[in-house]
PDB file of N, CA and C in Angstrom:
ATOM      1  N   MET A   1     154.169-112.169 118.986  1.00  0.00           N
ATOM      2  CA  MET A   1     154.310-113.517 119.501  1.00  0.00           C
ATOM      3  C   MET A   1     154.050-113.551 121.004  1.00  0.00           C
ATOM      4  N   ASN A   2     154.657-112.642 121.750  1.00  0.00           N
ATOM      5  CA  ASN A   2     154.484-112.594 123.199  1.00  0.00           C
ATOM      6  C   ASN A   2     153.029-112.338 123.563  1.00  0.00           C
ATOM      7  N   SER A   3     152.355-111.518 122.778  1.00  0.00           N
ATOM      8  CA  SER A   3     150.946-111.218 123.023  1.00  0.00           C
ATOM      9  C   SER A   3     150.089-112.467 122.832  1.00  0.00           C
ATOM     10  N   ASP A   4     150.421-113.301 121.847  1.00  0.00           N
ATOM     11  CA  ASP A   4     149.692-114.551 121.626  1.00  0.00           C
ATOM     12  C   ASP A   4     149.817-115.475 122.827  1.00  0.00           C
ATOM     13  N   ILE A   5     151.007-115.573 123.376  1.00  0.00           N
ATOM     14  CA  ILE A   5     151.249-116.418 124.546  1.00  0.00           C
ATOM     15  C   ILE A   5     150.476-115.886 125.745  1.00  0.00           C
ATOM     16  N   GLU A   6     150.518-114.568 125.938  1.00  0.00           N
ATOM     17  CA  GLU A   6     149.790-113.965 127.057  1.00  0.00           C
ATOM     18  C   GLU A   6     148.286-114.168 126.907  1.00  0.00           C
ATOM     19  N   ASN A   7     147.768-114.055 125.695  1.00  0.00           N
ATOM     20  CA  ASN A   7     146.337-114.270 125.455  1.00  0.00           C
ATOM     21  C   ASN A   7     145.947-115.714 125.740  1.00  0.00           C
ATOM     22  N   LYS A   8     146.775-116.666 125.312  1.00  0.00           N
ATOM     23  CA  LYS A   8     146.486-118.078 125.572  1.00  0.00           C
ATOM     24  C   LYS A   8     146.525-118.350 127.070  1.00  0.00           C
ATOM     25  N   GLU A   9     147.524-117.796 127.749  1.00  0.00           N
ATOM     26  CA  GLU A   9     147.633-117.993 129.201  1.00  0.00           C
ATOM     27  C   GLU A   9     146.407-117.420 129.914  1.00  0.00           C
ATOM     28  N   ALA A  10     145.982-116.240 129.523  1.00  0.00           N
ATOM     29  CA  ALA A  10     144.797-115.630 130.130  1.00  0.00           C
ATOM     30  C   ALA A  10     143.563-116.489 129.864  1.00  0.00           C
ATOM     31  N   GLY A  11     143.451-117.025 128.667  1.00  0.00           N
ATOM     32  CA  GLY A  11     142.332-117.912 128.348  1.00  0.00           C
ATOM     33  C   GLY A  11     142.359-119.180 129.180  1.00  0.00           C
ATOM     34  N   ASP A  12     143.551-119.750 129.369  1.00  0.00           N
ATOM     35  CA  ASP A  12     143.695-120.955 130.189  1.00  0.00           C
ATOM     36  C   ASP A  12     143.308-120.678 131.641  1.00  0.00           C
ATOM     37  N   ILE A  13     143.720-119.539 132.156  1.00  0.00           N
ATOM     38  CA  ILE A  13     143.386-119.168 133.536  1.00  0.00           C
ATOM     39  C   ILE A  13     141.881-118.982 133.680  1.00  0.00           C
ATOM     40  N   ASN A  14     141.270-118.321 132.714  1.00  0.00           N
ATOM     41  CA  ASN A  14     139.813-118.120 132.761  1.00  0.00           C
ATOM     42  C   ASN A  14     139.064-119.449 132.691  1.00  0.00           C
ATOM     43  N   LEU A  15     139.542-120.376 131.866  1.00  0.00           N
ATOM     44  CA  LEU A  15     138.912-121.689 131.769  1.00  0.00           C
ATOM     45  C   LEU A  15     139.026-122.437 133.093  1.00  0.00           C
ATOM     46  N   LEU A  16     140.207-122.434 133.685  1.00  0.00           N
ATOM     47  CA  LEU A  16     140.408-123.105 134.969  1.00  0.00           C
ATOM     48  C   LEU A  16     139.501-122.504 136.040  1.00  0.00           C
ATOM     49  N   LYS A  17     139.433-121.186 136.084  1.00  0.00           N
ATOM     50  CA  LYS A  17     138.581-120.516 137.076  1.00  0.00           C
ATOM     51  C   LYS A  17     137.114-120.875 136.854  1.00  0.00           C
ATOM     52  N   SER A  18     136.686-120.891 135.616  1.00  0.00           N
ATOM     53  CA  SER A  18     135.302-121.241 135.309  1.00  0.00           C
ATOM     54  C   SER A  18     134.989-122.672 135.738  1.00  0.00           C
ATOM     55  N   LEU A  19     135.892-123.589 135.465  1.00  0.00           N
ATOM     56  CA  LEU A  19     135.684-124.990 135.855  1.00  0.00           C
ATOM     57  C   LEU A  19     135.647-125.156 137.372  1.00  0.00           C
ATOM     58  N   THR A  20     136.597-124.561 138.057  1.00  0.00           N
ATOM     59  CA  THR A  20     136.667-124.749 139.510  1.00  0.00           C
ATOM     60  C   THR A  20     135.557-124.014 140.245  1.00  0.00           C
ATOM     61  N   ASP A  21     135.021-122.969 139.653  1.00  0.00           N
ATOM     62  CA  ASP A  21     133.921-122.250 140.295  1.00  0.00           C
ATOM     63  C   ASP A  21     132.590-122.994 140.175  1.00  0.00           C
ATOM     64  N   HIS A  22     132.539-124.030 139.364  1.00  0.00           N
ATOM     65  CA  HIS A  22     131.285-124.745 139.156  1.00  0.00           C
ATOM     66  C   HIS A  22     131.321-126.196 139.632  1.00  0.00           C
ATOM     67  N   ILE A  23     132.282-126.559 140.433  1.00  0.00           N
ATOM     68  CA  ILE A  23     132.293-127.896 141.023  1.00  0.00           C
ATOM     69  C   ILE A  23     131.946-127.771 142.503  1.00  0.00           C
ATOM     70  N   PRO A  24     131.358-128.802 143.087  1.00  0.00           N
ATOM     71  CA  PRO A  24     130.845-128.685 144.459  1.00  0.00           C
ATOM     72  C   PRO A  24     131.881-128.890 145.565  1.00  0.00           C
ATOM     73  N   VAL A  25     133.143-128.772 145.245  1.00  0.00           N
ATOM     74  CA  VAL A  25     134.181-128.903 146.264  1.00  0.00           C
ATOM     75  C   VAL A  25     135.069-127.675 146.231  1.00  0.00           C
ATOM     76  N   ALA A  26     135.709-127.394 147.343  1.00  0.00           N
ATOM     77  CA  ALA A  26     136.615-126.248 147.410  1.00  0.00           C
ATOM     78  C   ALA A  26     138.004-126.672 146.947  1.00  0.00           C
ATOM     79  N   LEU A  27     138.575-125.880 146.090  1.00  0.00           N
ATOM     80  CA  LEU A  27     139.953-126.090 145.653  1.00  0.00           C
ATOM     81  C   LEU A  27     140.750-124.857 146.032  1.00  0.00           C
ATOM     82  N   TYR A  28     141.942-125.096 146.529  1.00  0.00           N
ATOM     83  CA  TYR A  28     142.806-123.969 146.851  1.00  0.00           C
ATOM     84  C   TYR A  28     144.249-124.404 146.751  1.00  0.00           C
ATOM     85  N   GLN A  29     145.114-123.433 146.601  1.00  0.00           N
ATOM     86  CA  GLN A  29     146.550-123.683 146.602  1.00  0.00           C
ATOM     87  C   GLN A  29     147.143-122.816 147.696  1.00  0.00           C
ATOM     88  N   PHE A  30     147.806-123.462 148.626  1.00  0.00           N
ATOM     89  CA  PHE A  30     148.369-122.799 149.801  1.00  0.00           C
ATOM     90  C   PHE A  30     149.879-122.952 149.751  1.00  0.00           C
ATOM     91  N   VAL A  31     150.594-121.868 149.956  1.00  0.00           N
ATOM     92  CA  VAL A  31     152.053-121.894 149.935  1.00  0.00           C
ATOM     93  C   VAL A  31     152.579-121.506 151.303  1.00  0.00           C
ATOM     94  N   LYS A  32     153.473-122.330 151.831  1.00  0.00           N
ATOM     95  CA  LYS A  32     154.169-122.012 153.080  1.00  0.00           C
ATOM     96  C   LYS A  32     155.619-121.781 152.711  1.00  0.00           C
ATOM     97  N   TYR A  33     156.099-120.601 152.978  1.00  0.00           N
ATOM     98  CA  TYR A  33     157.456-120.241 152.608  1.00  0.00           C
ATOM     99  C   TYR A  33     158.457-120.759 153.641  1.00  0.00           C
ATOM    100  N   PRO A  34     159.658-121.110 153.191  1.00  0.00           N
ATOM    101  CA  PRO A  34     160.663-121.647 154.120  1.00  0.00           C
ATOM    102  C   PRO A  34     161.153-120.600 155.113  1.00  0.00           C
ATOM    103  N   HIS A  35     161.759-121.103 156.151  1.00  0.00           N
ATOM    104  CA  HIS A  35     162.391-120.259 157.174  1.00  0.00           C
ATOM    105  C   HIS A  35     161.388-119.320 157.841  1.00  0.00           C
ATOM    106  N   ASP A  36     160.161-119.824 158.024  1.00  0.00           N
ATOM    107  CA  ASP A  36     159.119-119.056 158.706  1.00  0.00           C
ATOM    108  C   ASP A  36     158.863-117.691 158.061  1.00  0.00           C
ATOM    109  N   ALA A  37     158.946-117.665 156.724  1.00  0.00           N
ATOM    110  CA  ALA A  37     158.729-116.419 155.990  1.00  0.00           C
ATOM    111  C   ALA A  37     157.255-116.184 155.682  1.00  0.00           C
ATOM    112  N   GLY A  38     156.384-116.961 156.296  1.00  0.00           N
ATOM    113  CA  GLY A  38     154.960-116.743 156.125  1.00  0.00           C
ATOM    114  C   GLY A  38     154.307-117.762 155.218  1.00  0.00           C
ATOM    115  N   SER A  39     153.052-117.518 154.933  1.00  0.00           N
ATOM    116  CA  SER A  39     152.276-118.407 154.081  1.00  0.00           C
ATOM    117  C   SER A  39     151.138-117.610 153.471  1.00  0.00           C
ATOM    118  N   ARG A  40     150.564-118.160 152.392  1.00  0.00           N
ATOM    119  CA  ARG A  40     149.427-117.493 151.772  1.00  0.00           C
ATOM    120  C   ARG A  40     148.703-118.436 150.831  1.00  0.00           C
ATOM    121  N   PHE A  41     147.454-118.125 150.576  1.00  0.00           N
ATOM    122  CA  PHE A  41     146.680-118.826 149.562  1.00  0.00           C
ATOM    123  C   PHE A  41     146.937-118.103 148.248  1.00  0.00           C
ATOM    124  N   ILE A  42     147.378-118.844 147.224  1.00  0.00           N
ATOM    125  CA  ILE A  42     147.601-118.199 145.933  1.00  0.00           C
ATOM    126  C   ILE A  42     146.448-118.463 144.970  1.00  0.00           C
ATOM    127  N   TYR A  43     145.567-119.400 145.348  1.00  0.00           N
ATOM    128  CA  TYR A  43     144.348-119.634 144.572  1.00  0.00           C
ATOM    129  C   TYR A  43     143.287-120.182 145.511  1.00  0.00           C
ATOM    130  N   ALA A  44     142.066-119.780 145.300  1.00  0.00           N
ATOM    131  CA  ALA A  44     140.940-120.326 146.051  1.00  0.00           C
ATOM    132  C   ALA A  44     139.691-120.259 145.179  1.00  0.00           C
ATOM    133  N   SER A  45     138.996-121.382 145.068  1.00  0.00           N
ATOM    134  CA  SER A  45     137.754-121.402 144.288  1.00  0.00           C
ATOM    135  C   SER A  45     136.617-120.812 145.110  1.00  0.00           C
ATOM    136  N   ARG A  46     135.533-120.564 144.445  1.00  0.00           N
ATOM    137  CA  ARG A  46     134.380-119.926 145.078  1.00  0.00           C
ATOM    138  C   ARG A  46     133.832-120.749 146.250  1.00  0.00           C
ATOM    139  N   ALA A  47     133.973-122.073 146.181  1.00  0.00           N
ATOM    140  CA  ALA A  47     133.419-122.950 147.216  1.00  0.00           C
ATOM    141  C   ALA A  47     134.139-122.832 148.560  1.00  0.00           C
ATOM    142  N   VAL A  48     135.293-122.161 148.619  1.00  0.00           N
ATOM    143  CA  VAL A  48     135.962-122.005 149.923  1.00  0.00           C
ATOM    144  C   VAL A  48     135.111-121.175 150.875  1.00  0.00           C
ATOM    145  N   THR A  49     134.207-120.391 150.333  1.00  0.00           N
ATOM    146  CA  THR A  49     133.333-119.574 151.177  1.00  0.00           C
ATOM    147  C   THR A  49     132.522-120.447 152.134  1.00  0.00           C
ATOM    148  N   SER A  50     132.101-121.621 151.676  1.00  0.00           N
ATOM    149  CA  SER A  50     131.304-122.496 152.539  1.00  0.00           C
ATOM    150  C   SER A  50     132.138-123.135 153.648  1.00  0.00           C
ATOM    151  N   ILE A  51     133.443-123.177 153.496  1.00  0.00           N
ATOM    152  CA  ILE A  51     134.325-123.768 154.514  1.00  0.00           C
ATOM    153  C   ILE A  51     134.876-122.699 155.457  1.00  0.00           C
ATOM    154  N   PHE A  52     135.457-121.658 154.865  1.00  0.00           N
ATOM    155  CA  PHE A  52     136.151-120.645 155.657  1.00  0.00           C
ATOM    156  C   PHE A  52     135.285-119.430 155.983  1.00  0.00           C
ATOM    157  N   GLU A  53     134.112-119.331 155.343  1.00  0.00           N
ATOM    158  CA  GLU A  53     133.188-118.218 155.542  1.00  0.00           C
ATOM    159  C   GLU A  53     133.780-116.855 155.190  1.00  0.00           C
ATOM    160  N   VAL A  54     134.680-116.865 154.220  1.00  0.00           N
ATOM    161  CA  VAL A  54     135.225-115.638 153.632  1.00  0.00           C
ATOM    162  C   VAL A  54     135.298-115.865 152.124  1.00  0.00           C
ATOM    163  N   SER A  55     135.327-114.791 151.360  1.00  0.00           N
ATOM    164  CA  SER A  55     135.403-114.917 149.908  1.00  0.00           C
ATOM    165  C   SER A  55     136.800-115.383 149.493  1.00  0.00           C
ATOM    166  N   PRO A  56     136.918-115.941 148.291  1.00  0.00           N
ATOM    167  CA  PRO A  56     138.241-116.322 147.801  1.00  0.00           C
ATOM    168  C   PRO A  56     139.213-115.136 147.794  1.00  0.00           C
ATOM    169  N   GLU A  57     138.699-113.969 147.434  1.00  0.00           N
ATOM    170  CA  GLU A  57     139.557-112.779 147.398  1.00  0.00           C
ATOM    171  C   GLU A  57     140.072-112.420 148.788  1.00  0.00           C
ATOM    172  N   GLU A  58     139.196-112.504 149.789  1.00  0.00           N
ATOM    173  CA  GLU A  58     139.616-112.210 151.162  1.00  0.00           C
ATOM    174  C   GLU A  58     140.649-113.225 151.649  1.00  0.00           C
ATOM    175  N   LEU A  59     140.421-114.485 151.317  1.00  0.00           N
ATOM    176  CA  LEU A  59     141.339-115.543 151.737  1.00  0.00           C
ATOM    177  C   LEU A  59     142.711-115.369 151.099  1.00  0.00           C
ATOM    178  N   MET A  60     142.737-115.012 149.808  1.00  0.00           N
ATOM    179  CA  MET A  60     144.025-114.821 149.127  1.00  0.00           C
ATOM    180  C   MET A  60     144.733-113.567 149.621  1.00  0.00           C
ATOM    181  N   ALA A  61     143.988-112.566 150.034  1.00  0.00           N
ATOM    182  CA  ALA A  61     144.600-111.336 150.546  1.00  0.00           C
ATOM    183  C   ALA A  61     145.151-111.524 151.954  1.00  0.00           C
ATOM    184  N   ASP A  62     144.495-112.397 152.737  1.00  0.00           N
ATOM    185  CA  ASP A  62     144.906-112.597 154.130  1.00  0.00           C
ATOM    186  C   ASP A  62     144.629-114.045 154.513  1.00  0.00           C
ATOM    187  N   ALA A  63     145.667-114.858 154.589  1.00  0.00           N
ATOM    188  CA  ALA A  63     145.514-116.283 154.894  1.00  0.00           C
ATOM    189  C   ALA A  63     144.905-116.514 156.264  1.00  0.00           C
ATOM    190  N   TYR A  64     144.926-115.509 157.108  1.00  0.00           N
ATOM    191  CA  TYR A  64     144.394-115.649 158.468  1.00  0.00           C
ATOM    192  C   TYR A  64     143.047-114.960 158.629  1.00  0.00           C
ATOM    193  N   ALA A  65     142.382-114.652 157.496  1.00  0.00           N
ATOM    194  CA  ALA A  65     141.087-113.945 157.521  1.00  0.00           C
ATOM    195  C   ALA A  65     140.039-114.750 158.264  1.00  0.00           C
TER     196      ALA A  65
END
């Protein structure tokens, strides 16, 4: 049962990534933690490269890239 849920979740994530990678706008999710505990991008579509000039992976690894 747990494996079925994990497979569906992985499929949903792949579908979302596929959709967002093929639209002409940048989508991202940015989290700012309370009490000045930092911030980070937890999602970034491929189009962020045209805005920030870094890959989505670089942006998610380092919000200040």
